[in-house]
C-alpha atoms as a PDB file:
ATOM      1  CA  PHE A   1      -1.592 -20.686  41.104  1.00  0.00           C
ATOM      2  CA  ILE A   2      -1.921 -21.223  37.320  1.00  0.00           C
ATOM      3  CA  VAL A   3      -5.725 -21.500  35.873  1.00  0.00           C
ATOM      4  CA  SER A   4      -5.901 -23.477  33.031  1.00  0.00           C
ATOM      5  CA  THR A   5      -7.434 -21.136  29.962  1.00  0.00           C
ATOM      6  CA  ALA A   6      -7.148 -21.455  26.352  1.00  0.00           C
ATOM      7  CA  PRO A   7      -4.911 -20.452  23.975  1.00  0.00           C
ATOM      8  CA  GLN A   8      -4.624 -16.388  23.722  1.00  0.00           C
ATOM      9  CA  VAL A   9      -3.310 -16.346  20.039  1.00  0.00           C
ATOM     10  CA  TYR A  10      -4.294 -18.603  17.016  1.00  0.00           C
ATOM     11  CA  PRO A  11      -1.853 -20.389  14.842  1.00  0.00           C
ATOM     12  CA  TRP A  12       0.432 -17.682  12.923  1.00  0.00           C
ATOM     13  CA  ASN A  13       1.251 -17.425   9.214  1.00  0.00           C
ATOM     14  CA  VAL A  14      -2.055 -19.228   7.873  1.00  0.00           C
ATOM     15  CA  THR A  15      -1.668 -19.894   4.203  1.00  0.00           C
ATOM     16  CA  GLY A  16      -3.151 -22.120   1.497  1.00  0.00           C
ATOM     17  CA  GLN A  17      -3.258 -22.659  -2.453  1.00  0.00           C
ATOM     18  CA  ASN A  18      -5.498 -24.911  -4.571  1.00  0.00           C
ATOM     19  CA  THR A  19      -3.456 -27.801  -5.741  1.00  0.00           C
ATOM     20  CA  THR A  20      -5.945 -29.435  -8.075  1.00  0.00           C
ATOM     21  CA  SER A  21     -10.024 -28.502  -8.712  1.00  0.00           C
ATOM     22  CA  ARG A  22     -10.802 -30.705  -5.363  1.00  0.00           C
ATOM     23  CA  SER A  23      -8.030 -30.256  -3.361  1.00  0.00           C
ATOM     24  CA  ILE A  24      -6.376 -27.326  -1.088  1.00  0.00           C
ATOM     25  CA  TYR A  25      -3.327 -27.518   0.937  1.00  0.00           C
ATOM     26  CA  LEU A  26      -3.041 -25.482   4.005  1.00  0.00           C
ATOM     27  CA  GLN A  27      -0.350 -24.443   6.451  1.00  0.00           C
ATOM     28  CA  TRP A  28       0.571 -22.465   9.458  1.00  0.00           C
ATOM     29  CA  SER A  29       2.839 -21.996  12.096  1.00  0.00           C
ATOM     30  CA  ALA A  30       2.682 -23.362  15.763  1.00  0.00           C
ATOM     31  CA  ILE A  31       1.645 -21.469  18.564  1.00  0.00           C
ATOM     32  CA  PRO A  32       4.575 -20.356  20.728  1.00  0.00           C
ATOM     33  CA  PRO A  33       4.183 -22.715  24.068  1.00  0.00           C
ATOM     34  CA  GLU A  34       4.482 -19.638  26.135  1.00  0.00           C
ATOM     35  CA  LEU A  35       1.254 -18.375  24.626  1.00  0.00           C
ATOM     36  CA  VAL A  36      -0.861 -21.572  24.966  1.00  0.00           C
ATOM     37  CA  ALA A  37      -1.850 -21.065  28.399  1.00  0.00           C
ATOM     38  CA  GLY A  38      -1.677 -24.863  29.400  1.00  0.00           C
ATOM     39  CA  VAL A  39      -0.721 -27.748  27.320  1.00  0.00           C
ATOM     40  CA  LEU A  40      -1.653 -27.504  23.631  1.00  0.00           C
ATOM     41  CA  ARG A  41      -3.502 -30.832  22.776  1.00  0.00           C
ATOM     42  CA  GLU A  42      -4.726 -30.329  18.985  1.00  0.00           C
ATOM     43  CA  TYR A  43      -5.424 -28.056  16.171  1.00  0.00           C
ATOM     44  CA  ARG A  44      -8.769 -27.396  14.783  1.00  0.00           C
ATOM     45  CA  VAL A  45      -9.270 -26.699  11.162  1.00  0.00           C
ATOM     46  CA  VAL A  46     -12.916 -25.219  10.509  1.00  0.00           C
ATOM     47  CA  TYR A  47     -13.450 -25.014   6.644  1.00  0.00           C
ATOM     48  CA  VAL A  48     -16.624 -23.606   5.441  1.00  0.00           C
ATOM     49  CA  GLU A  49     -17.844 -24.285   1.769  1.00  0.00           C
ATOM     50  CA  LEU A  50     -19.314 -20.789   0.566  1.00  0.00           C
ATOM     51  CA  ASN A  51     -21.992 -20.294  -2.432  1.00  0.00           C
ATOM     52  CA  ASP A  52     -21.910 -17.554  -5.335  1.00  0.00           C
ATOM     53  CA  LEU A  53     -22.834 -14.675  -2.733  1.00  0.00           C
ATOM     54  CA  ASN A  54     -20.334 -16.319  -0.158  1.00  0.00           C
ATOM     55  CA  ASP A  55     -22.989 -17.737   2.016  1.00  0.00           C
ATOM     56  CA  PRO A  56     -22.026 -20.564   4.195  1.00  0.00           C
ATOM     57  CA  VAL A  57     -23.382 -23.927   2.562  1.00  0.00           C
ATOM     58  CA  LYS A  58     -21.491 -26.903   4.498  1.00  0.00           C
ATOM     59  CA  THR A  59     -19.058 -26.626   7.382  1.00  0.00           C
ATOM     60  CA  HIS A  60     -16.200 -29.419   7.689  1.00  0.00           C
ATOM     61  CA  THR A  61     -14.208 -29.769  10.881  1.00  0.00           C
ATOM     62  CA  LEU A  62     -10.720 -31.289  11.142  1.00  0.00           C
ATOM     63  CA  ARG A  63      -8.791 -32.022  14.396  1.00  0.00           C
ATOM     64  CA  LEU A  64      -4.816 -32.615  13.908  1.00  0.00           C
ATOM     65  CA  PRO A  65      -1.895 -33.667  16.045  1.00  0.00           C
ATOM     66  CA  ILE A  66      -0.153 -30.724  17.424  1.00  0.00           C
ATOM     67  CA  ASP A  67       3.088 -31.951  15.254  1.00  0.00           C
ATOM     68  CA  GLN A  68       1.072 -31.142  12.016  1.00  0.00           C
ATOM     69  CA  LEU A  69       1.248 -27.904  10.813  1.00  0.00           C
ATOM     70  CA  SER A  70       0.084 -28.354   7.308  1.00  0.00           C
ATOM     71  CA  VAL A  71      -3.114 -30.641   5.728  1.00  0.00           C
ATOM     72  CA  ASN A  72      -3.949 -31.128   2.111  1.00  0.00           C
ATOM     73  CA  LEU A  73      -7.985 -31.333   1.877  1.00  0.00           C
ATOM     74  CA  THR A  74      -9.496 -33.258  -0.517  1.00  0.00           C
ATOM     75  CA  ASN A  75     -12.518 -34.634  -2.068  1.00  0.00           C
ATOM     76  CA  LEU A  76     -13.569 -30.792  -2.361  1.00  0.00           C
ATOM     77  CA  GLU A  77     -16.512 -28.974  -4.590  1.00  0.00           C
ATOM     78  CA  LYS A  78     -14.898 -28.068  -7.880  1.00  0.00           C
ATOM     79  CA  TYR A  79     -14.373 -24.073  -8.681  1.00  0.00           C
ATOM     80  CA  THR A  80     -15.878 -23.245  -5.085  1.00  0.00           C
ATOM     81  CA  ASN A  81     -14.757 -20.767  -2.399  1.00  0.00           C
ATOM     82  CA  TYR A  82     -13.763 -22.176   0.856  1.00  0.00           C
ATOM     83  CA  SER A  83     -13.321 -20.292   4.184  1.00  0.00           C
ATOM     84  CA  PHE A  84     -10.616 -21.668   6.419  1.00  0.00           C
ATOM     85  CA  GLN A  85      -9.812 -20.570   9.954  1.00  0.00           C
ATOM     86  CA  ILE A  86      -7.744 -22.788  12.289  1.00  0.00           C
ATOM     87  CA  GLN A  87      -7.190 -22.933  16.227  1.00  0.00           C
ATOM     88  CA  GLY A  88      -5.106 -24.259  19.027  1.00  0.00           C
ATOM     89  CA  ILE A  89      -7.099 -26.242  21.584  1.00  0.00           C
ATOM     90  CA  SER A  90      -5.908 -27.108  25.152  1.00  0.00           C
ATOM     91  CA  LYS A  91      -8.180 -27.671  27.585  1.00  0.00           C
ATOM     92  CA  PHE A  92     -10.506 -25.142  26.148  1.00  0.00           C
ATOM     93  CA  PHE A  93     -10.847 -23.938  22.476  1.00  0.00           C
ATOM     94  CA  GLY A  94      -8.463 -21.089  21.790  1.00  0.00           C
ATOM     95  CA  VAL A  95      -8.726 -18.032  19.177  1.00  0.00           C
ATOM     96  CA  ASN A  96      -9.460 -18.732  15.725  1.00  0.00           C
ATOM     97  CA  SER A  97      -7.419 -17.580  13.080  1.00  0.00           C
ATOM     98  CA  PRO A  98      -8.697 -14.952  10.836  1.00  0.00           C
ATOM     99  CA  PRO A  99     -10.380 -16.378   7.772  1.00  0.00           C
ATOM    100  CA  ILE A 100      -8.755 -16.933   4.611  1.00  0.00           C
ATOM    101  CA  VAL A 101     -10.734 -17.736   1.672  1.00  0.00           C
ATOM    102  CA  ILE A 102      -9.490 -19.726  -1.027  1.00  0.00           C
ATOM    103  CA  ILE A 103     -11.186 -21.068  -4.479  1.00  0.00           C
ATOM    104  CA  THR A 104     -10.688 -24.598  -5.612  1.00  0.00           C
ATOM    105  CA  ASP A 105      -9.561 -24.918  -9.824  1.00  0.00           C
ATOM    106  CA  GLN A 106     -11.871 -25.370 -12.600  1.00  0.00           C
ATOM    107  CA  ASP A 107     -11.129 -28.363 -14.481  1.00  0.00           C
ATOM    108  CA  GLY A 108      -9.644 -27.992 -17.943  1.00  0.00           C
ATOM    109  CA  LYS A 109      -8.557 -25.229 -19.725  1.00  0.00           C
ATOM    110  CA  MET A 110     -10.767 -21.970 -20.265  1.00  0.00           C
END
């Protein structure tokens, strides 16, 4: 008999880049169906705004449909580090991807 458990792996190939001083584009690869352990219902993107000491300031959570493997996050703070983790969700929360940190651009030329 099959016990429904959380996805045992995280979304692969999580990458991102700043697109403006207030936005970051993220993308990832789908969790292979055989590793989901149930039915994948959505992806959850957790991103944390960090201060100058890389301490968490504010946490944001975004839930996305399983056919969406990228997102452009907007209205971010300028020239700020953000830490991103993505997980698949079935009936239960899956494993978080390793965090990646991306910094938004500064406005104008230095």
